[in-house]
Amino acid sequence: RAYLVKEGVPEELVGQLDLLGISSIANVLSSIKFAKWYELGEEDIVLTVWTDSMELYGSRLQELHEEHGEYSKVDAAADYHRYLKG
């Protein structure tokens, strides 16, 4: 979250990320990729749905933590540039 704020994402928006679960995040990332692929501009709109929230994934997050370790600032930067900027 700190990395997103550092990159200019408004704190208010970052504070609402718990409203998105894994499926919702996948939908948002797919929409971003779609918009980039089709070179959409400011006047274009892409609609997607938010199907879940993070409150469903407490045990899954624990599993990921145990499997891969703590999610670091380096991980956040890599994911940001790969999935949002790339």
PDB file of N, CA and C in Angstrom:
ATOM      1  N   ARG A   1       0.821  -1.194   0.000  1.00  0.00           N
ATOM      2  CA  ARG A   1       0.000   0.000   0.000  1.00  0.00           C
ATOM      3  C   ARG A   1       0.861   1.253   0.000  1.00  0.00           C
ATOM      4  N   ALA A   2       1.923   1.207   0.791  1.00  0.00           N
ATOM      5  CA  ALA A   2       2.826   2.360   0.833  1.00  0.00           C
ATOM      6  C   ALA A   2       3.437   2.604  -0.544  1.00  0.00           C
ATOM      7  N   TYR A   3       3.741   1.525  -1.252  1.00  0.00           N
ATOM      8  CA  TYR A   3       4.329   1.683  -2.584  1.00  0.00           C
ATOM      9  C   TYR A   3       3.330   2.328  -3.539  1.00  0.00           C
ATOM     10  N   LEU A   4       2.077   1.942  -3.466  1.00  0.00           N
ATOM     11  CA  LEU A   4       1.064   2.546  -4.342  1.00  0.00           C
ATOM     12  C   LEU A   4       0.930   4.039  -4.073  1.00  0.00           C
ATOM     13  N   VAL A   5       0.929   4.419  -2.814  1.00  0.00           N
ATOM     14  CA  VAL A   5       0.847   5.842  -2.465  1.00  0.00           C
ATOM     15  C   VAL A   5       2.077   6.566  -2.996  1.00  0.00           C
ATOM     16  N   LYS A   6       3.249   5.955  -2.827  1.00  0.00           N
ATOM     17  CA  LYS A   6       4.492   6.547  -3.338  1.00  0.00           C
ATOM     18  C   LYS A   6       4.425   6.755  -4.849  1.00  0.00           C
ATOM     19  N   GLU A   7       3.733   5.869  -5.553  1.00  0.00           N
ATOM     20  CA  GLU A   7       3.606   5.964  -7.006  1.00  0.00           C
ATOM     21  C   GLU A   7       2.481   6.906  -7.441  1.00  0.00           C
ATOM     22  N   GLY A   8       1.804   7.518  -6.467  1.00  0.00           N
ATOM     23  CA  GLY A   8       0.805   8.524  -6.807  1.00  0.00           C
ATOM     24  C   GLY A   8      -0.640   8.082  -6.742  1.00  0.00           C
ATOM     25  N   VAL A   9      -0.888   6.861  -6.300  1.00  0.00           N
ATOM     26  CA  VAL A   9      -2.270   6.418  -6.132  1.00  0.00           C
ATOM     27  C   VAL A   9      -2.818   7.107  -4.884  1.00  0.00           C
ATOM     28  N   PRO A  10      -3.969   7.763  -4.978  1.00  0.00           N
ATOM     29  CA  PRO A  10      -4.511   8.489  -3.823  1.00  0.00           C
ATOM     30  C   PRO A  10      -4.700   7.581  -2.600  1.00  0.00           C
ATOM     31  N   GLU A  11      -4.330   8.101  -1.427  1.00  0.00           N
ATOM     32  CA  GLU A  11      -4.445   7.323  -0.188  1.00  0.00           C
ATOM     33  C   GLU A  11      -5.863   6.837   0.055  1.00  0.00           C
ATOM     34  N   GLU A  12      -6.839   7.656  -0.288  1.00  0.00           N
ATOM     35  CA  GLU A  12      -8.239   7.263  -0.094  1.00  0.00           C
ATOM     36  C   GLU A  12      -8.559   6.001  -0.894  1.00  0.00           C
ATOM     37  N   LEU A  13      -8.065   5.933  -2.111  1.00  0.00           N
ATOM     38  CA  LEU A  13      -8.284   4.755  -2.951  1.00  0.00           C
ATOM     39  C   LEU A  13      -7.540   3.546  -2.393  1.00  0.00           C
ATOM     40  N   VAL A  14      -6.308   3.737  -1.990  1.00  0.00           N
ATOM     41  CA  VAL A  14      -5.512   2.647  -1.419  1.00  0.00           C
ATOM     42  C   VAL A  14      -6.190   2.107  -0.161  1.00  0.00           C
ATOM     43  N   GLY A  15      -6.789   2.986   0.621  1.00  0.00           N
ATOM     44  CA  GLY A  15      -7.483   2.574   1.833  1.00  0.00           C
ATOM     45  C   GLY A  15      -8.714   1.725   1.583  1.00  0.00           C
ATOM     46  N   GLN A  16      -9.200   1.720   0.366  1.00  0.00           N
ATOM     47  CA  GLN A  16     -10.398   0.951   0.025  1.00  0.00           C
ATOM     48  C   GLN A  16     -10.081  -0.372  -0.671  1.00  0.00           C
ATOM     49  N   LEU A  17      -8.817  -0.715  -0.765  1.00  0.00           N
ATOM     50  CA  LEU A  17      -8.443  -1.937  -1.484  1.00  0.00           C
ATOM     51  C   LEU A  17      -9.004  -3.207  -0.859  1.00  0.00           C
ATOM     52  N   ASP A  18      -9.294  -3.185   0.441  1.00  0.00           N
ATOM     53  CA  ASP A  18      -9.873  -4.368   1.075  1.00  0.00           C
ATOM     54  C   ASP A  18     -11.262  -4.684   0.537  1.00  0.00           C
ATOM     55  N   LEU A  19     -11.861  -3.746  -0.179  1.00  0.00           N
ATOM     56  CA  LEU A  19     -13.154  -4.007  -0.803  1.00  0.00           C
ATOM     57  C   LEU A  19     -13.026  -4.978  -1.975  1.00  0.00           C
ATOM     58  N   LEU A  20     -11.800  -5.182  -2.436  1.00  0.00           N
ATOM     59  CA  LEU A  20     -11.557  -6.060  -3.579  1.00  0.00           C
ATOM     60  C   LEU A  20     -10.952  -7.381  -3.127  1.00  0.00           C
ATOM     61  N   GLY A  21     -11.555  -8.469  -3.557  1.00  0.00           N
ATOM     62  CA  GLY A  21     -10.983  -9.783  -3.319  1.00  0.00           C
ATOM     63  C   GLY A  21     -10.159 -10.219  -4.519  1.00  0.00           C
ATOM     64  N   ILE A  22      -9.713 -11.454  -4.494  1.00  0.00           N
ATOM     65  CA  ILE A  22      -8.838 -11.957  -5.549  1.00  0.00           C
ATOM     66  C   ILE A  22      -9.520 -11.903  -6.914  1.00  0.00           C
ATOM     67  N   SER A  23     -10.770 -12.328  -7.002  1.00  0.00           N
ATOM     68  CA  SER A  23     -11.484 -12.300  -8.289  1.00  0.00           C
ATOM     69  C   SER A  23     -11.695 -10.879  -8.774  1.00  0.00           C
ATOM     70  N   SER A  24     -12.019  -9.983  -7.868  1.00  0.00           N
ATOM     71  CA  SER A  24     -12.212  -8.583  -8.246  1.00  0.00           C
ATOM     72  C   SER A  24     -10.919  -7.970  -8.758  1.00  0.00           C
ATOM     73  N   ILE A  25      -9.819  -8.264  -8.093  1.00  0.00           N
ATOM     74  CA  ILE A  25      -8.523  -7.746  -8.529  1.00  0.00           C
ATOM     75  C   ILE A  25      -8.181  -8.296  -9.910  1.00  0.00           C
ATOM     76  N   ALA A  26      -8.457  -9.578 -10.136  1.00  0.00           N
ATOM     77  CA  ALA A  26      -8.213 -10.165 -11.458  1.00  0.00           C
ATOM     78  C   ALA A  26      -9.044  -9.453 -12.519  1.00  0.00           C
ATOM     79  N   ASN A  27     -10.290  -9.121 -12.201  1.00  0.00           N
ATOM     80  CA  ASN A  27     -11.141  -8.399 -13.149  1.00  0.00           C
ATOM     81  C   ASN A  27     -10.583  -7.014 -13.458  1.00  0.00           C
ATOM     82  N   VAL A  28     -10.119  -6.316 -12.438  1.00  0.00           N
ATOM     83  CA  VAL A  28      -9.556  -4.975 -12.642  1.00  0.00           C
ATOM     84  C   VAL A  28      -8.287  -5.057 -13.496  1.00  0.00           C
ATOM     85  N   LEU A  29      -7.401  -5.995 -13.168  1.00  0.00           N
ATOM     86  CA  LEU A  29      -6.169  -6.143 -13.947  1.00  0.00           C
ATOM     87  C   LEU A  29      -6.466  -6.516 -15.401  1.00  0.00           C
ATOM     88  N   SER A  30      -7.462  -7.366 -15.602  1.00  0.00           N
ATOM     89  CA  SER A  30      -7.857  -7.718 -16.972  1.00  0.00           C
ATOM     90  C   SER A  30      -8.376  -6.507 -17.722  1.00  0.00           C
ATOM     91  N   SER A  31      -9.111  -5.655 -17.041  1.00  0.00           N
ATOM     92  CA  SER A  31      -9.621  -4.435 -17.668  1.00  0.00           C
ATOM     93  C   SER A  31      -8.486  -3.498 -18.058  1.00  0.00           C
ATOM     94  N   ILE A  32      -7.489  -3.387 -17.188  1.00  0.00           N
ATOM     95  CA  ILE A  32      -6.327  -2.542 -17.495  1.00  0.00           C
ATOM     96  C   ILE A  32      -5.581  -3.093 -18.708  1.00  0.00           C
ATOM     97  N   LYS A  33      -5.362  -4.407 -18.705  1.00  0.00           N
ATOM     98  CA  LYS A  33      -4.663  -5.026 -19.836  1.00  0.00           C
ATOM     99  C   LYS A  33      -5.461  -4.842 -21.130  1.00  0.00           C
ATOM    100  N   PHE A  34      -6.765  -5.014 -21.066  1.00  0.00           N
ATOM    101  CA  PHE A  34      -7.639  -4.816 -22.224  1.00  0.00           C
ATOM    102  C   PHE A  34      -7.504  -3.396 -22.762  1.00  0.00           C
ATOM    103  N   ALA A  35      -7.560  -2.423 -21.868  1.00  0.00           N
ATOM    104  CA  ALA A  35      -7.471  -1.016 -22.279  1.00  0.00           C
ATOM    105  C   ALA A  35      -6.126  -0.716 -22.928  1.00  0.00           C
ATOM    106  N   LYS A  36      -5.063  -1.273 -22.385  1.00  0.00           N
ATOM    107  CA  LYS A  36      -3.739  -1.053 -22.975  1.00  0.00           C
ATOM    108  C   LYS A  36      -3.626  -1.740 -24.331  1.00  0.00           C
ATOM    109  N   TRP A  37      -4.092  -2.978 -24.424  1.00  0.00           N
ATOM    110  CA  TRP A  37      -4.000  -3.752 -25.663  1.00  0.00           C
ATOM    111  C   TRP A  37      -4.709  -3.038 -26.813  1.00  0.00           C
ATOM    112  N   TYR A  38      -5.898  -2.505 -26.510  1.00  0.00           N
ATOM    113  CA  TYR A  38      -6.687  -1.838 -27.544  1.00  0.00           C
ATOM    114  C   TYR A  38      -6.420  -0.336 -27.621  1.00  0.00           C
ATOM    115  N   GLU A  39      -5.391   0.098 -26.907  1.00  0.00           N
ATOM    116  CA  GLU A  39      -4.954   1.494 -26.928  1.00  0.00           C
ATOM    117  C   GLU A  39      -6.120   2.457 -26.681  1.00  0.00           C
ATOM    118  N   LEU A  40      -6.904   2.153 -25.657  1.00  0.00           N
ATOM    119  CA  LEU A  40      -8.031   3.007 -25.314  1.00  0.00           C
ATOM    120  C   LEU A  40      -7.527   4.312 -24.717  1.00  0.00           C
ATOM    121  N   GLY A  41      -8.299   5.359 -24.889  1.00  0.00           N
ATOM    122  CA  GLY A  41      -7.906   6.673 -24.407  1.00  0.00           C
ATOM    123  C   GLY A  41      -8.836   7.203 -23.339  1.00  0.00           C
ATOM    124  N   GLU A  42      -8.691   8.481 -23.031  1.00  0.00           N
ATOM    125  CA  GLU A  42      -9.446   9.127 -21.955  1.00  0.00           C
ATOM    126  C   GLU A  42     -10.952   9.104 -22.184  1.00  0.00           C
ATOM    127  N   GLU A  43     -11.381   9.059 -23.412  1.00  0.00           N
ATOM    128  CA  GLU A  43     -12.812   9.089 -23.727  1.00  0.00           C
ATOM    129  C   GLU A  43     -13.444   7.698 -23.738  1.00  0.00           C
ATOM    130  N   ASP A  44     -12.644   6.652 -23.612  1.00  0.00           N
ATOM    131  CA  ASP A  44     -13.138   5.276 -23.643  1.00  0.00           C
ATOM    132  C   ASP A  44     -13.452   4.790 -22.231  1.00  0.00           C
ATOM    133  N   ILE A  45     -14.359   3.840 -22.146  1.00  0.00           N
ATOM    134  CA  ILE A  45     -14.774   3.284 -20.854  1.00  0.00           C
ATOM    135  C   ILE A  45     -14.689   1.767 -20.914  1.00  0.00           C
ATOM    136  N   VAL A  46     -14.157   1.172 -19.858  1.00  0.00           N
ATOM    137  CA  VAL A  46     -14.160  -0.277 -19.688  1.00  0.00           C
ATOM    138  C   VAL A  46     -14.903  -0.554 -18.389  1.00  0.00           C
ATOM    139  N   LEU A  47     -15.870  -1.435 -18.440  1.00  0.00           N
ATOM    140  CA  LEU A  47     -16.679  -1.769 -17.272  1.00  0.00           C
ATOM    141  C   LEU A  47     -16.327  -3.175 -16.805  1.00  0.00           C
ATOM    142  N   THR A  48     -16.196  -3.339 -15.498  1.00  0.00           N
ATOM    143  CA  THR A  48     -15.965  -4.664 -14.929  1.00  0.00           C
ATOM    144  C   THR A  48     -16.764  -4.772 -13.634  1.00  0.00           C
ATOM    145  N   VAL A  49     -16.744  -5.936 -13.028  1.00  0.00           N
ATOM    146  CA  VAL A  49     -17.492  -6.142 -11.783  1.00  0.00           C
ATOM    147  C   VAL A  49     -16.533  -6.501 -10.657  1.00  0.00           C
ATOM    148  N   TRP A  50     -16.909  -6.114  -9.461  1.00  0.00           N
ATOM    149  CA  TRP A  50     -16.200  -6.505  -8.249  1.00  0.00           C
ATOM    150  C   TRP A  50     -17.049  -7.577  -7.592  1.00  0.00           C
ATOM    151  N   THR A  51     -16.559  -8.791  -7.604  1.00  0.00           N
ATOM    152  CA  THR A  51     -17.374  -9.930  -7.199  1.00  0.00           C
ATOM    153  C   THR A  51     -17.180 -10.357  -5.748  1.00  0.00           C
ATOM    154  N   ASP A  52     -16.149  -9.866  -5.099  1.00  0.00           N
ATOM    155  CA  ASP A  52     -15.860 -10.311  -3.738  1.00  0.00           C
ATOM    156  C   ASP A  52     -15.000  -9.278  -3.025  1.00  0.00           C
ATOM    157  N   SER A  53     -14.764  -9.524  -1.730  1.00  0.00           N
ATOM    158  CA  SER A  53     -13.895  -8.636  -0.954  1.00  0.00           C
ATOM    159  C   SER A  53     -12.831  -9.478  -0.255  1.00  0.00           C
ATOM    160  N   MET A  54     -11.838  -8.819   0.312  1.00  0.00           N
ATOM    161  CA  MET A  54     -10.732  -9.531   0.954  1.00  0.00           C
ATOM    162  C   MET A  54     -11.144 -10.261   2.223  1.00  0.00           C
ATOM    163  N   GLU A  55     -12.284  -9.935   2.792  1.00  0.00           N
ATOM    164  CA  GLU A  55     -12.669 -10.614   4.029  1.00  0.00           C
ATOM    165  C   GLU A  55     -12.893 -12.110   3.809  1.00  0.00           C
ATOM    166  N   LEU A  56     -13.061 -12.526   2.569  1.00  0.00           N
ATOM    167  CA  LEU A  56     -13.234 -13.948   2.271  1.00  0.00           C
ATOM    168  C   LEU A  56     -11.917 -14.718   2.255  1.00  0.00           C
ATOM    169  N   TYR A  57     -10.785 -14.016   2.262  1.00  0.00           N
ATOM    170  CA  TYR A  57      -9.516 -14.651   1.953  1.00  0.00           C
ATOM    171  C   TYR A  57      -8.510 -14.689   3.095  1.00  0.00           C
ATOM    172  N   GLY A  58      -8.943 -14.551   4.320  1.00  0.00           N
ATOM    173  CA  GLY A  58      -8.010 -14.565   5.447  1.00  0.00           C
ATOM    174  C   GLY A  58      -7.142 -15.810   5.477  1.00  0.00           C
ATOM    175  N   SER A  59      -7.751 -16.981   5.334  1.00  0.00           N
ATOM    176  CA  SER A  59      -6.979 -18.228   5.380  1.00  0.00           C
ATOM    177  C   SER A  59      -6.081 -18.362   4.154  1.00  0.00           C
ATOM    178  N   ARG A  60      -6.536 -17.899   3.012  1.00  0.00           N
ATOM    179  CA  ARG A  60      -5.720 -17.978   1.785  1.00  0.00           C
ATOM    180  C   ARG A  60      -4.488 -17.084   1.901  1.00  0.00           C
ATOM    181  N   LEU A  61      -4.662 -15.898   2.466  1.00  0.00           N
ATOM    182  CA  LEU A  61      -3.518 -15.009   2.662  1.00  0.00           C
ATOM    183  C   LEU A  61      -2.499 -15.632   3.606  1.00  0.00           C
ATOM    184  N   GLN A  62      -2.982 -16.305   4.640  1.00  0.00           N
ATOM    185  CA  GLN A  62      -2.078 -16.986   5.570  1.00  0.00           C
ATOM    186  C   GLN A  62      -1.306 -18.087   4.848  1.00  0.00           C
ATOM    187  N   GLU A  63      -1.999 -18.854   3.993  1.00  0.00           N
ATOM    188  CA  GLU A  63      -1.330 -19.902   3.217  1.00  0.00           C
ATOM    189  C   GLU A  63      -0.237 -19.311   2.325  1.00  0.00           C
ATOM    190  N   LEU A  64      -0.554 -18.218   1.641  1.00  0.00           N
ATOM    191  CA  LEU A  64       0.424 -17.577   0.763  1.00  0.00           C
ATOM    192  C   LEU A  64       1.626 -17.068   1.551  1.00  0.00           C
ATOM    193  N   HIS A  65       1.362 -16.520   2.735  1.00  0.00           N
ATOM    194  CA  HIS A  65       2.443 -16.024   3.591  1.00  0.00           C
ATOM    195  C   HIS A  65       3.364 -17.178   3.995  1.00  0.00           C
ATOM    196  N   GLU A  66       2.762 -18.296   4.389  1.00  0.00           N
ATOM    197  CA  GLU A  66       3.555 -19.452   4.796  1.00  0.00           C
ATOM    198  C   GLU A  66       4.346 -20.033   3.623  1.00  0.00           C
ATOM    199  N   GLU A  67       3.751 -20.011   2.439  1.00  0.00           N
ATOM    200  CA  GLU A  67       4.392 -20.594   1.256  1.00  0.00           C
ATOM    201  C   GLU A  67       5.489 -19.705   0.671  1.00  0.00           C
ATOM    202  N   HIS A  68       5.242 -18.389   0.627  1.00  0.00           N
ATOM    203  CA  HIS A  68       6.152 -17.474  -0.065  1.00  0.00           C
ATOM    204  C   HIS A  68       6.854 -16.469   0.849  1.00  0.00           C
ATOM    205  N   GLY A  69       6.500 -16.433   2.113  1.00  0.00           N
ATOM    206  CA  GLY A  69       7.088 -15.457   3.020  1.00  0.00           C
ATOM    207  C   GLY A  69       6.362 -14.121   2.956  1.00  0.00           C
ATOM    208  N   GLU A  70       6.913 -13.163   3.682  1.00  0.00           N
ATOM    209  CA  GLU A  70       6.287 -11.848   3.767  1.00  0.00           C
ATOM    210  C   GLU A  70       6.330 -11.130   2.418  1.00  0.00           C
ATOM    211  N   TYR A  71       5.263 -10.425   2.099  1.00  0.00           N
ATOM    212  CA  TYR A  71       5.174  -9.629   0.873  1.00  0.00           C
ATOM    213  C   TYR A  71       5.927  -8.326   1.115  1.00  0.00           C
ATOM    214  N   SER A  72       7.052  -8.164   0.429  1.00  0.00           N
ATOM    215  CA  SER A  72       7.953  -7.048   0.705  1.00  0.00           C
ATOM    216  C   SER A  72       7.696  -5.857  -0.215  1.00  0.00           C
ATOM    217  N   LYS A  73       8.392  -4.756   0.066  1.00  0.00           N
ATOM    218  CA  LYS A  73       8.328  -3.578  -0.804  1.00  0.00           C
ATOM    219  C   LYS A  73       8.859  -3.909  -2.199  1.00  0.00           C
ATOM    220  N   VAL A  74       9.858  -4.767  -2.263  1.00  0.00           N
ATOM    221  CA  VAL A  74      10.408  -5.180  -3.561  1.00  0.00           C
ATOM    222  C   VAL A  74       9.353  -5.965  -4.346  1.00  0.00           C
ATOM    223  N   ASP A  75       8.638  -6.861  -3.657  1.00  0.00           N
ATOM    224  CA  ASP A  75       7.551  -7.601  -4.307  1.00  0.00           C
ATOM    225  C   ASP A  75       6.485  -6.644  -4.820  1.00  0.00           C
ATOM    226  N   ALA A  76       6.130  -5.668  -3.992  1.00  0.00           N
ATOM    227  CA  ALA A  76       5.105  -4.690  -4.376  1.00  0.00           C
ATOM    228  C   ALA A  76       5.532  -3.909  -5.611  1.00  0.00           C
ATOM    229  N   ALA A  77       6.788  -3.479  -5.643  1.00  0.00           N
ATOM    230  CA  ALA A  77       7.288  -2.722  -6.796  1.00  0.00           C
ATOM    231  C   ALA A  77       7.268  -3.576  -8.056  1.00  0.00           C
ATOM    232  N   ALA A  78       7.708  -4.813  -7.944  1.00  0.00           N
ATOM    233  CA  ALA A  78       7.729  -5.709  -9.106  1.00  0.00           C
ATOM    234  C   ALA A  78       6.317  -5.953  -9.626  1.00  0.00           C
ATOM    235  N   ASP A  79       5.375  -6.227  -8.729  1.00  0.00           N
ATOM    236  CA  ASP A  79       3.991  -6.469  -9.146  1.00  0.00           C
ATOM    237  C   ASP A  79       3.357  -5.223  -9.740  1.00  0.00           C
ATOM    238  N   TYR A  80       3.633  -4.075  -9.147  1.00  0.00           N
ATOM    239  CA  TYR A  80       3.091  -2.810  -9.655  1.00  0.00           C
ATOM    240  C   TYR A  80       3.541  -2.586 -11.095  1.00  0.00           C
ATOM    241  N   HIS A  81       4.823  -2.752 -11.329  1.00  0.00           N
ATOM    242  CA  HIS A  81       5.345  -2.487 -12.675  1.00  0.00           C
ATOM    243  C   HIS A  81       4.952  -3.583 -13.667  1.00  0.00           C
ATOM    244  N   ARG A  82       4.822  -4.801 -13.215  1.00  0.00           N
ATOM    245  CA  ARG A  82       4.434  -5.886 -14.122  1.00  0.00           C
ATOM    246  C   ARG A  82       2.957  -5.822 -14.483  1.00  0.00           C
ATOM    247  N   TYR A  83       2.095  -5.649 -13.477  1.00  0.00           N
ATOM    248  CA  TYR A  83       0.659  -5.777 -13.718  1.00  0.00           C
ATOM    249  C   TYR A  83      -0.057  -4.458 -13.979  1.00  0.00           C
ATOM    250  N   LEU A  84       0.430  -3.369 -13.429  1.00  0.00           N
ATOM    251  CA  LEU A  84      -0.265  -2.098 -13.613  1.00  0.00           C
ATOM    252  C   LEU A  84       0.406  -1.195 -14.628  1.00  0.00           C
ATOM    253  N   LYS A  85       1.713  -1.219 -14.678  1.00  0.00           N
ATOM    254  CA  LYS A  85       2.429  -0.346 -15.607  1.00  0.00           C
ATOM    255  C   LYS A  85       2.837  -1.068 -16.888  1.00  0.00           C
ATOM    256  N   GLY A  86       3.105  -2.377 -16.775  1.00  0.00           N
ATOM    257  CA  GLY A  86       3.665  -3.153 -17.872  1.00  0.00           C
ATOM    258  C   GLY A  86       2.800  -3.449 -18.993  1.00  0.00           C
TER     259      GLY A  86
END
